[in-house]
N, C-alpha and C. Protein backbone atom coordinates (compact mmCIF):
# COMPACT_ATOMS: atom_id res chain seq x y z
N MET A 1 94.68 36.49 194.66
CA MET A 1 93.92 35.32 195.08
C MET A 1 94.88 34.16 195.24
N GLY A 2 94.81 33.52 196.38
CA GLY A 2 95.66 32.37 196.63
C GLY A 2 95.16 31.14 195.89
N TRP A 3 95.99 30.10 195.86
CA TRP A 3 95.62 28.90 195.11
C TRP A 3 94.39 28.23 195.71
N ARG A 4 94.25 28.28 197.02
CA ARG A 4 93.11 27.63 197.68
C ARG A 4 91.80 28.32 197.31
N LYS A 5 91.80 29.66 197.37
CA LYS A 5 90.60 30.41 197.00
C LYS A 5 90.30 30.25 195.51
N GLY A 6 91.34 30.19 194.70
CA GLY A 6 91.17 29.97 193.27
C GLY A 6 90.55 28.62 193.00
N LYS A 7 91.02 27.62 193.71
CA LYS A 7 90.48 26.27 193.55
C LYS A 7 89.01 26.24 193.97
N GLN A 8 88.67 26.89 195.08
CA GLN A 8 87.29 26.93 195.54
C GLN A 8 86.40 27.66 194.54
N ALA A 9 86.89 28.76 194.00
CA ALA A 9 86.12 29.53 193.01
C ALA A 9 85.89 28.68 191.77
N TYR A 10 86.92 27.96 191.33
CA TYR A 10 86.79 27.09 190.16
C TYR A 10 85.78 25.98 190.42
N GLU A 11 85.85 25.36 191.59
CA GLU A 11 84.92 24.28 191.93
C GLU A 11 83.48 24.79 191.95
N ARG A 12 83.29 25.98 192.51
CA ARG A 12 81.95 26.57 192.56
C ARG A 12 81.44 26.84 191.13
N PHE A 13 82.30 27.41 190.29
CA PHE A 13 81.95 27.67 188.89
C PHE A 13 81.62 26.37 188.18
N TYR A 14 82.45 25.37 188.36
CA TYR A 14 82.27 24.06 187.72
C TYR A 14 80.93 23.46 188.14
N ASP A 15 80.62 23.48 189.44
CA ASP A 15 79.37 22.92 189.94
C ASP A 15 78.16 23.66 189.38
N GLU A 16 78.26 25.00 189.27
CA GLU A 16 77.15 25.78 188.72
C GLU A 16 76.93 25.45 187.25
N GLU A 17 78.01 25.35 186.49
CA GLU A 17 77.89 25.03 185.07
C GLU A 17 77.34 23.61 184.88
N LEU A 18 77.80 22.69 185.69
CA LEU A 18 77.31 21.31 185.61
C LEU A 18 75.82 21.26 185.93
N SER A 19 75.39 22.01 186.91
CA SER A 19 73.97 22.07 187.27
C SER A 19 73.15 22.62 186.11
N LYS A 20 73.64 23.68 185.45
CA LYS A 20 72.94 24.25 184.30
C LYS A 20 72.82 23.22 183.18
N LEU A 21 73.89 22.50 182.92
CA LEU A 21 73.87 21.49 181.86
C LEU A 21 72.91 20.35 182.19
N GLU A 22 72.86 19.95 183.45
CA GLU A 22 71.94 18.89 183.85
C GLU A 22 70.49 19.32 183.65
N LYS A 23 70.17 20.57 183.99
CA LYS A 23 68.81 21.08 183.80
C LYS A 23 68.47 21.14 182.31
N GLU A 24 69.42 21.59 181.51
CA GLU A 24 69.21 21.67 180.06
C GLU A 24 68.98 20.27 179.48
N LEU A 25 69.76 19.30 179.96
CA LEU A 25 69.60 17.93 179.50
C LEU A 25 68.23 17.38 179.87
N GLU A 26 67.76 17.66 181.07
CA GLU A 26 66.43 17.21 181.49
C GLU A 26 65.35 17.79 180.59
N LYS A 27 65.45 19.08 180.27
CA LYS A 27 64.47 19.72 179.38
C LYS A 27 64.50 19.08 178.00
N THR A 28 65.70 18.84 177.48
CA THR A 28 65.84 18.25 176.16
C THR A 28 65.28 16.84 176.13
N MET A 29 65.58 16.05 177.14
CA MET A 29 65.08 14.68 177.19
C MET A 29 63.56 14.66 177.30
N SER A 30 63.01 15.56 178.08
CA SER A 30 61.56 15.65 178.23
C SER A 30 60.91 15.99 176.88
N ALA A 31 61.49 16.94 176.17
CA ALA A 31 60.96 17.33 174.86
C ALA A 31 61.06 16.16 173.88
N LEU A 32 62.16 15.44 173.91
CA LEU A 32 62.32 14.28 173.03
C LEU A 32 61.30 13.20 173.34
N GLU A 33 61.06 12.96 174.61
CA GLU A 33 60.07 11.95 174.99
C GLU A 33 58.69 12.33 174.47
N GLU A 34 58.34 13.60 174.56
CA GLU A 34 57.05 14.06 174.06
C GLU A 34 56.95 13.86 172.55
N ILE A 35 58.01 14.20 171.82
CA ILE A 35 58.01 14.04 170.37
C ILE A 35 57.87 12.58 170.00
N ILE A 36 58.61 11.71 170.67
CA ILE A 36 58.55 10.28 170.37
C ILE A 36 57.14 9.74 170.65
N GLU A 37 56.57 10.10 171.79
CA GLU A 37 55.23 9.63 172.12
C GLU A 37 54.21 10.11 171.09
N GLU A 38 54.35 11.35 170.64
CA GLU A 38 53.44 11.89 169.63
C GLU A 38 53.57 11.13 168.32
N ARG A 39 54.79 10.86 167.91
CA ARG A 39 55.02 10.14 166.65
C ARG A 39 54.49 8.70 166.74
N VAL A 40 54.65 8.08 167.90
CA VAL A 40 54.14 6.72 168.07
C VAL A 40 52.62 6.73 167.98
N ARG A 41 51.97 7.71 168.64
CA ARG A 41 50.50 7.82 168.57
C ARG A 41 50.06 8.03 167.12
N GLU A 42 50.77 8.89 166.40
CA GLU A 42 50.44 9.14 165.00
C GLU A 42 50.60 7.87 164.17
N ALA A 43 51.68 7.14 164.39
CA ALA A 43 51.94 5.92 163.64
C ALA A 43 50.87 4.87 163.95
N ARG A 44 50.47 4.77 165.19
CA ARG A 44 49.43 3.82 165.55
C ARG A 44 48.10 4.22 164.92
N GLY A 45 47.83 5.50 164.87
CA GLY A 45 46.61 5.99 164.25
C GLY A 45 46.59 5.66 162.76
N GLU A 46 47.70 5.82 162.08
CA GLU A 46 47.79 5.49 160.66
C GLU A 46 47.67 3.99 160.44
N LYS A 47 48.22 3.21 161.35
CA LYS A 47 48.14 1.76 161.24
C LYS A 47 46.69 1.32 161.39
N ASP A 48 45.98 1.93 162.35
CA ASP A 48 44.57 1.60 162.57
C ASP A 48 43.75 1.95 161.33
N LYS A 49 44.05 3.09 160.70
CA LYS A 49 43.32 3.51 159.50
C LYS A 49 43.59 2.56 158.35
N ALA A 50 44.81 2.04 158.24
CA ALA A 50 45.20 1.14 157.15
C ALA A 50 44.51 -0.21 157.29
N THR A 51 44.21 -0.65 158.48
CA THR A 51 43.59 -1.95 158.69
C THR A 51 42.09 -1.92 158.45
N LEU A 52 41.51 -0.72 158.36
CA LEU A 52 40.06 -0.61 158.15
C LEU A 52 39.71 -0.85 156.74
């Protein structure tokens, strides 16, 4: 394999791995947002109960 083909293969591999990581990051951020929203709802519910 020549240097040019090697460079192209590496770039393709790099782009694929970067794409996988970006998708994984999106999933993780989405899950975190859901957890945070749930905890905020729970905290608000407890606050409402404490004021009664």
